Every structure is written in C-alpha cells, then in structure tokens.
N, C-alpha and C. Protein backbone atom coordinates (compact mmCIF):
# COMPACT_ATOMS: atom_id res chain seq x y z
N MET A 1 132.68 95.33 104.71
CA MET A 1 133.77 95.45 103.74
C MET A 1 134.51 94.13 103.66
N SER A 2 135.05 93.84 102.51
CA SER A 2 135.91 92.67 102.35
C SER A 2 137.00 93.01 101.34
N VAL A 3 138.03 92.18 101.29
CA VAL A 3 139.14 92.46 100.38
C VAL A 3 138.70 92.23 98.93
N ALA A 4 139.40 92.86 98.01
CA ALA A 4 139.11 92.72 96.58
C ALA A 4 139.42 91.29 96.13
N ALA A 5 138.83 90.90 95.01
CA ALA A 5 139.02 89.56 94.48
C ALA A 5 140.48 89.25 94.16
N ASN A 6 141.27 90.27 93.83
CA ASN A 6 142.66 90.04 93.48
C ASN A 6 143.63 90.22 94.66
N ALA A 7 143.11 90.35 95.87
CA ALA A 7 143.95 90.59 97.06
C ALA A 7 144.93 89.43 97.28
N LEU A 8 146.11 89.78 97.75
CA LEU A 8 147.16 88.79 97.97
C LEU A 8 147.03 88.06 99.30
N ALA A 9 146.23 88.58 100.22
CA ALA A 9 146.07 87.96 101.53
C ALA A 9 144.65 88.21 102.02
N THR A 10 144.29 87.54 103.10
CA THR A 10 142.97 87.71 103.69
C THR A 10 143.11 88.40 105.05
N LEU A 11 142.00 88.92 105.52
CA LEU A 11 141.95 89.53 106.84
C LEU A 11 142.41 88.52 107.89
N GLU A 12 141.94 87.30 107.80
CA GLU A 12 142.28 86.27 108.78
C GLU A 12 143.77 85.97 108.80
N GLU A 13 144.39 85.93 107.62
CA GLU A 13 145.83 85.65 107.55
C GLU A 13 146.64 86.77 108.22
N VAL A 14 146.26 88.00 107.98
CA VAL A 14 146.97 89.13 108.60
C VAL A 14 146.78 89.11 110.12
N LYS A 15 145.54 88.92 110.57
CA LYS A 15 145.27 88.91 112.00
C LYS A 15 145.99 87.75 112.69
N ASP A 16 146.05 86.60 112.04
CA ASP A 16 146.74 85.45 112.60
C ASP A 16 148.24 85.74 112.73
N PHE A 17 148.84 86.31 111.70
CA PHE A 17 150.27 86.64 111.73
C PHE A 17 150.56 87.68 112.81
N TYR A 18 149.72 88.67 112.94
CA TYR A 18 149.90 89.76 113.90
C TYR A 18 149.55 89.32 115.33
N GLY A 19 148.87 88.19 115.45
CA GLY A 19 148.46 87.72 116.77
C GLY A 19 147.28 88.49 117.31
N MET A 20 146.45 88.99 116.44
CA MET A 20 145.31 89.80 116.83
C MET A 20 144.11 88.88 117.08
N THR A 21 143.59 88.93 118.28
CA THR A 21 142.40 88.16 118.60
C THR A 21 141.25 89.14 118.79
N GLY A 22 140.07 88.65 118.67
CA GLY A 22 138.92 89.53 118.79
C GLY A 22 138.72 90.30 117.50
N SER A 23 137.71 91.17 117.53
CA SER A 23 137.40 91.87 116.30
C SER A 23 136.71 93.19 116.60
N LYS A 24 137.28 94.26 116.06
CA LYS A 24 136.63 95.56 116.05
C LYS A 24 136.43 95.90 114.58
N GLN A 25 135.21 96.22 114.20
CA GLN A 25 134.90 96.43 112.80
C GLN A 25 135.80 97.50 112.17
N ALA A 26 136.09 98.58 112.90
CA ALA A 26 136.93 99.64 112.35
C ALA A 26 138.35 99.13 112.04
N ASP A 27 138.89 98.29 112.94
CA ASP A 27 140.22 97.72 112.70
C ASP A 27 140.19 96.75 111.52
N ASP A 28 139.16 95.90 111.48
CA ASP A 28 139.03 94.94 110.38
C ASP A 28 138.93 95.68 109.04
N ASP A 29 138.14 96.74 108.99
CA ASP A 29 137.99 97.53 107.77
C ASP A 29 139.32 98.14 107.35
N LEU A 30 140.07 98.67 108.31
CA LEU A 30 141.36 99.27 108.02
C LEU A 30 142.32 98.22 107.47
N ILE A 31 142.39 97.06 108.09
CA ILE A 31 143.29 95.99 107.63
C ILE A 31 142.90 95.55 106.22
N GLU A 32 141.62 95.38 105.96
CA GLU A 32 141.19 94.98 104.61
C GLU A 32 141.54 96.04 103.57
N ASP A 33 141.39 97.29 103.94
CA ASP A 33 141.76 98.38 103.05
C ASP A 33 143.27 98.36 102.80
N LEU A 34 144.06 98.13 103.84
CA LEU A 34 145.51 98.04 103.69
C LEU A 34 145.91 96.86 102.79
N ILE A 35 145.25 95.73 102.93
CA ILE A 35 145.52 94.57 102.07
C ILE A 35 145.31 94.96 100.60
N ASP A 36 144.19 95.62 100.32
CA ASP A 36 143.91 96.03 98.94
C ASP A 36 144.95 97.02 98.43
N ARG A 37 145.32 97.99 99.28
CA ARG A 37 146.30 98.99 98.85
C ARG A 37 147.69 98.40 98.64
N ILE A 38 148.10 97.50 99.52
CA ILE A 38 149.41 96.86 99.37
C ILE A 38 149.41 95.98 98.12
N THR A 39 148.32 95.26 97.88
CA THR A 39 148.21 94.46 96.66
C THR A 39 148.40 95.36 95.45
N GLN A 40 147.72 96.50 95.42
CA GLN A 40 147.83 97.44 94.30
C GLN A 40 149.25 97.99 94.18
N LEU A 41 149.87 98.33 95.30
CA LEU A 41 151.26 98.80 95.27
C LEU A 41 152.20 97.75 94.68
N PHE A 42 152.03 96.50 95.10
CA PHE A 42 152.87 95.41 94.58
C PHE A 42 152.66 95.26 93.08
N GLN A 43 151.41 95.28 92.63
CA GLN A 43 151.11 95.11 91.20
C GLN A 43 151.73 96.25 90.40
N THR A 44 151.59 97.47 90.88
CA THR A 44 152.16 98.61 90.17
C THR A 44 153.68 98.53 90.15
N TYR A 45 154.27 98.22 91.27
CA TYR A 45 155.73 98.11 91.38
C TYR A 45 156.28 97.05 90.42
N CYS A 46 155.57 95.94 90.30
CA CYS A 46 156.04 94.83 89.47
C CYS A 46 155.58 94.91 88.02
N GLY A 47 154.64 95.82 87.72
CA GLY A 47 154.16 95.97 86.35
C GLY A 47 153.12 94.93 85.95
N TRP A 48 152.34 94.46 86.91
CA TRP A 48 151.31 93.45 86.66
C TRP A 48 149.93 94.08 86.70
N SER A 49 148.99 93.50 85.94
CA SER A 49 147.58 93.88 86.06
C SER A 49 147.01 93.25 87.32
N SER A 50 147.37 91.99 87.55
CA SER A 50 146.91 91.24 88.72
C SER A 50 147.81 90.03 88.89
N PHE A 51 148.12 89.68 90.14
CA PHE A 51 148.89 88.46 90.38
C PHE A 51 147.98 87.22 90.29
N LYS A 52 146.70 87.42 90.58
CA LYS A 52 145.75 86.30 90.52
C LYS A 52 145.41 86.00 89.07
N ALA A 53 145.18 84.73 88.79
CA ALA A 53 144.87 84.29 87.43
C ALA A 53 143.61 84.99 86.91
N ALA A 54 143.69 85.42 85.66
CA ALA A 54 142.56 86.09 85.00
C ALA A 54 142.68 85.89 83.50
N ASP A 55 141.59 86.14 82.80
CA ASP A 55 141.57 86.04 81.35
C ASP A 55 141.81 87.43 80.76
N TYR A 56 142.62 87.48 79.70
CA TYR A 56 142.99 88.75 79.09
C TYR A 56 142.83 88.69 77.58
N THR A 57 142.48 89.83 77.00
CA THR A 57 142.56 90.05 75.56
C THR A 57 143.48 91.23 75.38
N GLU A 58 144.55 91.00 74.66
CA GLU A 58 145.57 92.03 74.51
C GLU A 58 145.82 92.28 73.03
N TYR A 59 145.92 93.54 72.65
CA TYR A 59 146.23 93.93 71.28
C TYR A 59 147.66 94.47 71.27
N ILE A 60 148.49 93.86 70.45
CA ILE A 60 149.93 94.12 70.49
C ILE A 60 150.41 94.60 69.13
N ASP A 61 151.33 95.56 69.15
CA ASP A 61 151.96 95.99 67.91
C ASP A 61 152.92 94.92 67.44
N GLY A 62 152.70 94.42 66.22
CA GLY A 62 153.59 93.40 65.65
C GLY A 62 154.93 94.00 65.27
N GLU A 63 156.00 93.25 65.50
CA GLU A 63 157.35 93.74 65.25
C GLU A 63 158.07 92.94 64.17
N SER A 64 157.33 92.06 63.47
CA SER A 64 157.93 91.19 62.45
C SER A 64 159.03 90.33 63.07
N THR A 65 158.69 89.70 64.22
CA THR A 65 159.62 88.80 64.90
C THR A 65 158.89 87.50 65.22
N LYS A 66 159.61 86.56 65.77
CA LYS A 66 159.03 85.27 66.16
C LYS A 66 158.45 85.30 67.57
N TYR A 67 158.52 86.46 68.24
CA TYR A 67 158.18 86.51 69.66
C TYR A 67 157.05 87.50 69.97
N ILE A 68 156.25 87.12 70.96
CA ILE A 68 155.24 88.01 71.55
C ILE A 68 155.49 88.01 73.05
N PHE A 69 155.55 89.21 73.62
CA PHE A 69 155.76 89.36 75.06
C PHE A 69 154.50 89.95 75.68
N PRO A 70 153.60 89.10 76.19
CA PRO A 70 152.37 89.61 76.81
C PRO A 70 152.68 90.43 78.06
N ILE A 71 151.77 91.30 78.41
CA ILE A 71 151.93 92.11 79.62
C ILE A 71 151.84 91.23 80.86
N ASN A 72 150.93 90.27 80.85
CA ASN A 72 150.65 89.47 82.05
C ASN A 72 151.30 88.09 81.96
N THR A 73 151.94 87.69 83.04
CA THR A 73 152.55 86.38 83.15
C THR A 73 152.31 85.86 84.56
N PRO A 74 152.57 84.63 84.86
CA PRO A 74 152.92 83.56 83.96
C PRO A 74 151.73 83.18 83.08
N ILE A 75 152.04 82.81 81.85
CA ILE A 75 151.00 82.41 80.90
C ILE A 75 150.51 81.02 81.30
N ILE A 76 149.22 80.91 81.55
CA ILE A 76 148.62 79.62 81.91
C ILE A 76 148.17 78.90 80.65
N SER A 77 147.45 79.62 79.78
CA SER A 77 146.96 79.02 78.54
C SER A 77 146.74 80.12 77.51
N ILE A 78 146.77 79.71 76.24
CA ILE A 78 146.53 80.64 75.14
C ILE A 78 145.28 80.16 74.42
N THR A 79 144.27 81.01 74.37
CA THR A 79 143.02 80.67 73.69
C THR A 79 143.15 80.87 72.19
N SER A 80 143.70 82.02 71.78
CA SER A 80 143.86 82.29 70.35
C SER A 80 144.84 83.43 70.11
N ILE A 81 145.42 83.38 68.91
CA ILE A 81 146.25 84.47 68.42
C ILE A 81 145.81 84.77 66.99
N HIS A 82 145.51 86.04 66.74
CA HIS A 82 145.18 86.50 65.40
C HIS A 82 146.27 87.48 64.98
N ASP A 83 146.58 87.50 63.68
CA ASP A 83 147.53 88.46 63.12
C ASP A 83 146.81 89.15 61.97
N ASP A 84 146.33 90.37 62.19
CA ASP A 84 145.47 91.03 61.21
C ASP A 84 145.69 92.55 61.24
N THR A 85 146.27 93.10 60.18
CA THR A 85 146.50 94.54 60.10
C THR A 85 145.21 95.31 59.85
N ASP A 86 144.13 94.61 59.44
CA ASP A 86 142.83 95.27 59.22
C ASP A 86 141.98 95.32 60.50
N TRP A 87 142.41 94.68 61.56
CA TRP A 87 141.74 94.67 62.86
C TRP A 87 140.37 94.00 62.84
N VAL A 88 140.17 93.06 61.92
CA VAL A 88 138.92 92.32 61.88
C VAL A 88 139.03 91.07 62.75
N TYR A 89 140.20 90.46 62.76
CA TYR A 89 140.51 89.28 63.56
C TYR A 89 139.55 88.12 63.29
N GLY A 90 139.27 87.90 62.02
CA GLY A 90 138.39 86.81 61.60
C GLY A 90 139.12 85.49 61.56
N SER A 91 138.40 84.44 61.17
CA SER A 91 138.96 83.09 61.17
C SER A 91 140.13 82.95 60.20
N ASP A 92 140.16 83.79 59.14
CA ASP A 92 141.26 83.71 58.17
C ASP A 92 142.57 84.27 58.73
N THR A 93 142.53 84.98 59.86
CA THR A 93 143.75 85.52 60.47
C THR A 93 144.15 84.77 61.74
N LEU A 94 143.39 83.73 62.06
CA LEU A 94 143.69 82.92 63.25
C LEU A 94 144.93 82.08 62.99
N ILE A 95 145.87 82.11 63.90
CA ILE A 95 147.09 81.31 63.79
C ILE A 95 146.83 79.98 64.50
N GLU A 96 147.09 78.89 63.81
CA GLU A 96 146.88 77.56 64.38
C GLU A 96 147.73 77.37 65.64
N ASN A 97 147.14 76.71 66.65
CA ASN A 97 147.86 76.56 67.92
C ASN A 97 149.07 75.63 67.82
N THR A 98 149.23 74.95 66.72
CA THR A 98 150.43 74.12 66.52
C THR A 98 151.60 74.96 66.00
N GLU A 99 151.34 76.23 65.70
CA GLU A 99 152.36 77.12 65.12
C GLU A 99 153.06 78.00 66.15
N TYR A 100 152.72 77.85 67.42
CA TYR A 100 153.35 78.67 68.47
C TYR A 100 153.27 77.93 69.79
N ARG A 101 154.04 78.42 70.75
CA ARG A 101 153.93 77.89 72.10
C ARG A 101 154.47 78.91 73.09
N SER A 102 154.10 78.70 74.34
CA SER A 102 154.57 79.54 75.44
C SER A 102 155.93 79.02 75.89
N VAL A 103 156.85 79.94 76.14
CA VAL A 103 158.18 79.57 76.61
C VAL A 103 158.33 80.06 78.05
N ASP A 104 158.62 79.13 78.95
CA ASP A 104 158.83 79.44 80.37
C ASP A 104 157.68 80.27 80.95
N GLU A 105 156.49 80.14 80.40
CA GLU A 105 155.29 80.86 80.85
C GLU A 105 155.47 82.38 80.80
N ARG A 106 156.48 82.87 80.04
CA ARG A 106 156.77 84.31 80.01
C ARG A 106 156.53 84.96 78.66
N TYR A 107 156.74 84.20 77.58
CA TYR A 107 156.55 84.78 76.25
C TYR A 107 156.12 83.68 75.28
N ILE A 108 155.78 84.10 74.07
CA ILE A 108 155.28 83.18 73.05
C ILE A 108 156.24 83.22 71.87
N VAL A 109 156.54 82.06 71.32
CA VAL A 109 157.42 81.96 70.17
C VAL A 109 156.68 81.27 69.03
N SER A 110 156.89 81.77 67.82
CA SER A 110 156.31 81.18 66.62
C SER A 110 157.23 80.07 66.13
N LYS A 111 156.64 78.99 65.64
CA LYS A 111 157.42 77.83 65.21
C LYS A 111 158.21 78.11 63.94
N ASP A 112 157.53 78.56 62.89
CA ASP A 112 158.19 78.70 61.59
C ASP A 112 158.17 80.10 60.99
N SER A 113 157.14 80.86 61.28
CA SER A 113 157.01 82.16 60.62
C SER A 113 157.09 83.30 61.62
N LEU A 114 157.12 84.51 61.08
CA LEU A 114 157.18 85.70 61.91
C LEU A 114 155.77 86.23 62.14
N PHE A 115 155.53 86.81 63.31
CA PHE A 115 154.31 87.56 63.52
C PHE A 115 154.47 88.85 62.73
N GLY A 116 153.41 89.29 62.06
CA GLY A 116 153.50 90.45 61.16
C GLY A 116 153.80 91.75 61.87
N ARG A 117 154.21 92.73 61.06
CA ARG A 117 154.48 94.08 61.56
C ARG A 117 153.20 94.91 61.40
N GLY A 118 152.87 95.67 62.42
CA GLY A 118 151.70 96.54 62.33
C GLY A 118 151.30 97.09 63.68
N ASP A 119 150.40 98.05 63.64
CA ASP A 119 149.86 98.65 64.86
C ASP A 119 148.67 97.83 65.32
N GLN A 120 148.78 97.26 66.52
CA GLN A 120 147.69 96.49 67.14
C GLN A 120 147.21 95.34 66.26
N ASN A 121 148.09 94.80 65.43
CA ASN A 121 147.70 93.72 64.51
C ASN A 121 147.64 92.35 65.17
N ILE A 122 148.26 92.19 66.32
CA ILE A 122 148.23 90.90 67.03
C ILE A 122 147.16 90.98 68.11
N LYS A 123 146.19 90.07 68.02
CA LYS A 123 145.16 89.94 69.07
C LYS A 123 145.46 88.64 69.81
N LEU A 124 145.78 88.76 71.08
CA LEU A 124 146.14 87.62 71.91
C LEU A 124 145.08 87.46 73.00
N VAL A 125 144.46 86.29 73.03
CA VAL A 125 143.49 85.96 74.07
C VAL A 125 144.12 84.84 74.90
N TYR A 126 144.27 85.09 76.20
CA TYR A 126 145.00 84.14 77.03
C TYR A 126 144.61 84.26 78.50
N ARG A 127 145.10 83.32 79.29
CA ARG A 127 144.91 83.33 80.74
C ARG A 127 146.30 83.40 81.37
N ALA A 128 146.44 84.28 82.36
CA ALA A 128 147.75 84.44 83.00
C ALA A 128 147.57 84.79 84.47
N GLY A 129 148.63 84.59 85.23
CA GLY A 129 148.63 84.88 86.66
C GLY A 129 148.80 83.60 87.45
N TYR A 130 148.51 83.67 88.73
CA TYR A 130 148.65 82.51 89.61
C TYR A 130 147.29 82.06 90.11
N GLU A 131 147.01 80.78 89.93
CA GLU A 131 145.78 80.20 90.48
C GLU A 131 145.87 80.20 92.01
N THR A 132 147.08 79.93 92.52
CA THR A 132 147.37 80.01 93.95
C THR A 132 148.53 80.99 94.12
N ILE A 133 148.33 82.00 94.94
CA ILE A 133 149.36 83.02 95.14
C ILE A 133 150.59 82.37 95.79
N PRO A 134 151.79 82.61 95.24
CA PRO A 134 153.01 82.05 95.84
C PRO A 134 153.18 82.52 97.29
N GLY A 135 153.69 81.62 98.13
CA GLY A 135 153.82 81.89 99.55
C GLY A 135 154.67 83.11 99.88
N ASP A 136 155.76 83.32 99.15
CA ASP A 136 156.63 84.46 99.46
C ASP A 136 155.94 85.79 99.15
N LEU A 137 155.14 85.83 98.11
CA LEU A 137 154.42 87.04 97.75
C LEU A 137 153.32 87.33 98.77
N LYS A 138 152.59 86.28 99.16
CA LYS A 138 151.55 86.41 100.18
C LYS A 138 152.15 86.89 101.51
N GLN A 139 153.26 86.26 101.92
CA GLN A 139 153.89 86.62 103.20
C GLN A 139 154.39 88.06 103.18
N SER A 140 154.94 88.50 102.06
CA SER A 140 155.40 89.89 101.95
C SER A 140 154.23 90.86 102.09
N CYS A 141 153.11 90.53 101.51
CA CYS A 141 151.92 91.37 101.65
C CYS A 141 151.47 91.42 103.10
N ILE A 142 151.43 90.27 103.75
CA ILE A 142 151.02 90.21 105.15
C ILE A 142 151.94 91.05 106.03
N GLU A 143 153.24 90.94 105.81
CA GLU A 143 154.21 91.69 106.62
C GLU A 143 154.10 93.20 106.36
N GLU A 144 153.89 93.60 105.12
CA GLU A 144 153.75 95.02 104.81
C GLU A 144 152.46 95.58 105.42
N VAL A 145 151.38 94.82 105.36
CA VAL A 145 150.12 95.26 105.97
C VAL A 145 150.29 95.39 107.48
N THR A 146 150.92 94.39 108.09
CA THR A 146 151.14 94.40 109.53
C THR A 146 151.98 95.60 109.94
N LYS A 147 153.05 95.86 109.19
CA LYS A 147 153.92 97.01 109.49
C LYS A 147 153.12 98.31 109.43
N ARG A 148 152.34 98.48 108.38
CA ARG A 148 151.59 99.72 108.23
C ARG A 148 150.47 99.85 109.27
N TYR A 149 149.86 98.75 109.61
CA TYR A 149 148.81 98.78 110.63
C TYR A 149 149.41 99.14 111.99
N LYS A 150 150.50 98.48 112.32
CA LYS A 150 151.15 98.68 113.61
C LYS A 150 151.71 100.11 113.76
N HIS A 151 152.23 100.66 112.66
CA HIS A 151 152.87 101.98 112.70
C HIS A 151 152.05 103.02 111.95
N ARG A 152 150.75 102.88 111.96
CA ARG A 152 149.91 103.78 111.17
C ARG A 152 149.98 105.23 111.63
N ARG A 153 150.35 105.47 112.86
CA ARG A 153 150.43 106.85 113.35
C ARG A 153 151.83 107.45 113.18
N ASP A 154 152.81 106.60 112.95
CA ASP A 154 154.18 107.07 112.77
C ASP A 154 154.85 106.27 111.66
N ILE A 155 154.22 106.28 110.49
CA ILE A 155 154.58 105.39 109.39
C ILE A 155 156.03 105.51 108.92
N ASP A 156 156.62 106.71 108.89
CA ASP A 156 158.00 106.79 108.42
C ASP A 156 159.04 106.77 109.52
N ILE A 157 158.65 106.68 110.76
CA ILE A 157 159.63 106.69 111.85
C ILE A 157 160.28 105.31 111.95
N GLN A 158 161.61 105.32 111.85
CA GLN A 158 162.37 104.08 111.93
C GLN A 158 162.83 103.84 113.37
N ALA A 159 163.21 104.92 114.07
CA ALA A 159 163.67 104.82 115.46
C ALA A 159 163.37 106.14 116.16
N LYS A 160 163.09 106.05 117.47
CA LYS A 160 162.77 107.24 118.24
C LYS A 160 163.55 107.18 119.55
N SER A 161 164.17 108.29 119.92
CA SER A 161 164.93 108.38 121.15
C SER A 161 163.97 108.69 122.30
N LEU A 162 164.08 107.94 123.38
CA LEU A 162 163.22 108.17 124.54
C LEU A 162 163.60 109.45 125.29
N ASP A 163 164.88 109.77 125.28
CA ASP A 163 165.36 110.93 126.05
C ASP A 163 164.84 112.25 125.49
N ASP A 164 165.11 112.51 124.24
CA ASP A 164 164.75 113.82 123.70
C ASP A 164 163.65 113.77 122.63
N GLY A 165 163.19 112.57 122.28
CA GLY A 165 162.10 112.46 121.31
C GLY A 165 162.54 112.57 119.87
N ASP A 166 163.87 112.64 119.62
CA ASP A 166 164.35 112.69 118.23
C ASP A 166 163.92 111.43 117.50
N ALA A 167 163.62 111.57 116.20
CA ALA A 167 163.18 110.44 115.40
C ALA A 167 164.06 110.30 114.17
N THR A 168 164.30 109.06 113.77
CA THR A 168 164.98 108.76 112.52
C THR A 168 163.90 108.23 111.57
N TYR A 169 163.85 108.81 110.38
CA TYR A 169 162.80 108.43 109.43
C TYR A 169 163.34 107.48 108.38
N SER A 170 162.51 106.52 107.99
CA SER A 170 162.93 105.55 106.99
C SER A 170 162.84 106.17 105.61
N GLU A 171 163.64 105.64 104.69
CA GLU A 171 163.67 106.18 103.34
C GLU A 171 162.96 105.28 102.35
N SER A 172 162.57 104.11 102.74
CA SER A 172 162.00 103.16 101.81
C SER A 172 160.55 102.83 102.14
N ALA A 173 159.78 102.64 101.11
CA ALA A 173 158.38 102.29 101.30
C ALA A 173 158.20 100.82 101.68
N PHE A 174 159.10 99.96 101.19
CA PHE A 174 158.97 98.53 101.46
C PHE A 174 160.10 98.04 102.36
N LEU A 175 159.80 96.99 103.10
CA LEU A 175 160.83 96.31 103.90
C LEU A 175 161.88 95.72 102.95
N PRO A 176 163.13 95.60 103.38
CA PRO A 176 164.17 95.03 102.51
C PRO A 176 163.81 93.63 102.00
N ALA A 177 163.25 92.77 102.85
CA ALA A 177 162.87 91.43 102.42
C ALA A 177 161.77 91.48 101.36
N THR A 178 160.87 92.45 101.47
CA THR A 178 159.80 92.61 100.48
C THR A 178 160.39 92.98 99.13
N LYS A 179 161.36 93.89 99.13
CA LYS A 179 162.00 94.29 97.87
C LYS A 179 162.64 93.09 97.17
N GLU A 180 163.29 92.23 97.96
CA GLU A 180 163.91 91.03 97.39
C GLU A 180 162.86 90.12 96.74
N VAL A 181 161.76 89.94 97.41
CA VAL A 181 160.69 89.10 96.87
C VAL A 181 160.10 89.74 95.61
N LEU A 182 159.78 91.03 95.67
CA LEU A 182 159.16 91.70 94.53
C LEU A 182 160.08 91.72 93.31
N TYR A 183 161.37 91.75 93.52
CA TYR A 183 162.31 91.73 92.39
C TYR A 183 162.09 90.49 91.52
N LYS A 184 161.78 89.36 92.16
CA LYS A 184 161.55 88.11 91.42
C LYS A 184 160.32 88.21 90.51
N TYR A 185 159.36 89.05 90.88
CA TYR A 185 158.10 89.13 90.14
C TYR A 185 158.03 90.37 89.22
N LYS A 186 159.05 91.19 89.27
CA LYS A 186 159.06 92.43 88.48
C LYS A 186 159.12 92.10 87.00
N THR A 187 158.27 92.75 86.22
CA THR A 187 158.27 92.57 84.78
C THR A 187 159.55 93.17 84.22
N MET A 188 160.27 92.36 83.47
CA MET A 188 161.49 92.84 82.82
C MET A 188 161.22 92.95 81.33
N TRP A 189 161.07 94.18 80.86
CA TRP A 189 160.74 94.40 79.45
C TRP A 189 161.99 94.24 78.59
N VAL A 190 161.81 93.61 77.46
CA VAL A 190 162.89 93.44 76.50
C VAL A 190 162.83 94.63 75.55
N GLN A 191 163.95 95.31 75.38
CA GLN A 191 164.00 96.47 74.47
C GLN A 191 164.58 96.10 73.15
C-alpha cells in the first residue's frame, strides 16, 4: 500500500515526526490509510477537490458579471475560457486571453466585458492547487495522523483519571492549531 497521489504527507514524514523507527507492515498500512483519510477530511472541510496541483475543466453558470470564481484555487494558469449558451464551446466562443486575468490566484476578472448569463455557459479550463504543499498544511496533516495513530484505541478521550478510570472526551475532530491552519485554506464563497 502507498499513499494517494494527492496525499498531504508521506509515511516517512509521519514516522520521522513520531520518532518511529523500524517497520511493521500493518502499522505502515494504517499510517498510510490515515494520511489518505486526513487529506480527504482536510479537503472536504476546506471545500477543495485537491490541495495538490491538477488540471480542471469546470462548467459554470454565467451571472452576467465581470467575475468568475472557480472551485479550485490557487489558480496557477488558465488554458481557456469559453462563453457559450449553446454548450458547443467552439473557437467562435473562445475569449482571448488578453481579455481576462487571474486576481490573487483566487478568481478571474474580465477586462472590458461581462461574462454572459446562462446555465453552464462558461467553460473554464485551468490548473490550480499547490505544486509544493505549504509547510503548515503538511505539518497539520502529520500531527493529525500522529494523534489518531497514537490514540487509535481511545480516539475521543481527552483525559483519564488513574484513580477511578473516569474519562473526559474531546468535542472536536481537529486539534486547535489544525483548525487555525485550515481556516486559511477554507473556500470562502461569495454570495
């Protein structure tokens, strides 16, 4: 087994952080599975398809505005934008790349005209995500995997009394520091 292509960390990074030496295949498999699951949790929580750079084709409902807000960010490059209510997306509906640009790698603005109004009339082909995963996001993944691996038998127990065995259970799925990091990457939709 190995981690998915979009994983935020590697088995080696988690084991190094945890101070784990040696290798048991069952433990390695569990850690890799946890890396994949935490990556998926982070993506879902933040509203991303993937944090790693990938190519996307997105069909967007036009709002007759100068702006397009793609699902995936940061925008690395834009291959093409078509505006076509007939959904043919031929060369006659291609918008010249001098007529728009990416702003702060988060959205696209038209230079002079409005993107048309319609259902799925905007076809956006672009690349988005991170070529190199930011260190804070990677570290948060490593810490969450380590926490879950270490406490896999008592995942919600926050504290346990030695005298009577009473336990205090945690209320949050993520560590407080992880929440702070994820907030920076959370998709903020404009209404």
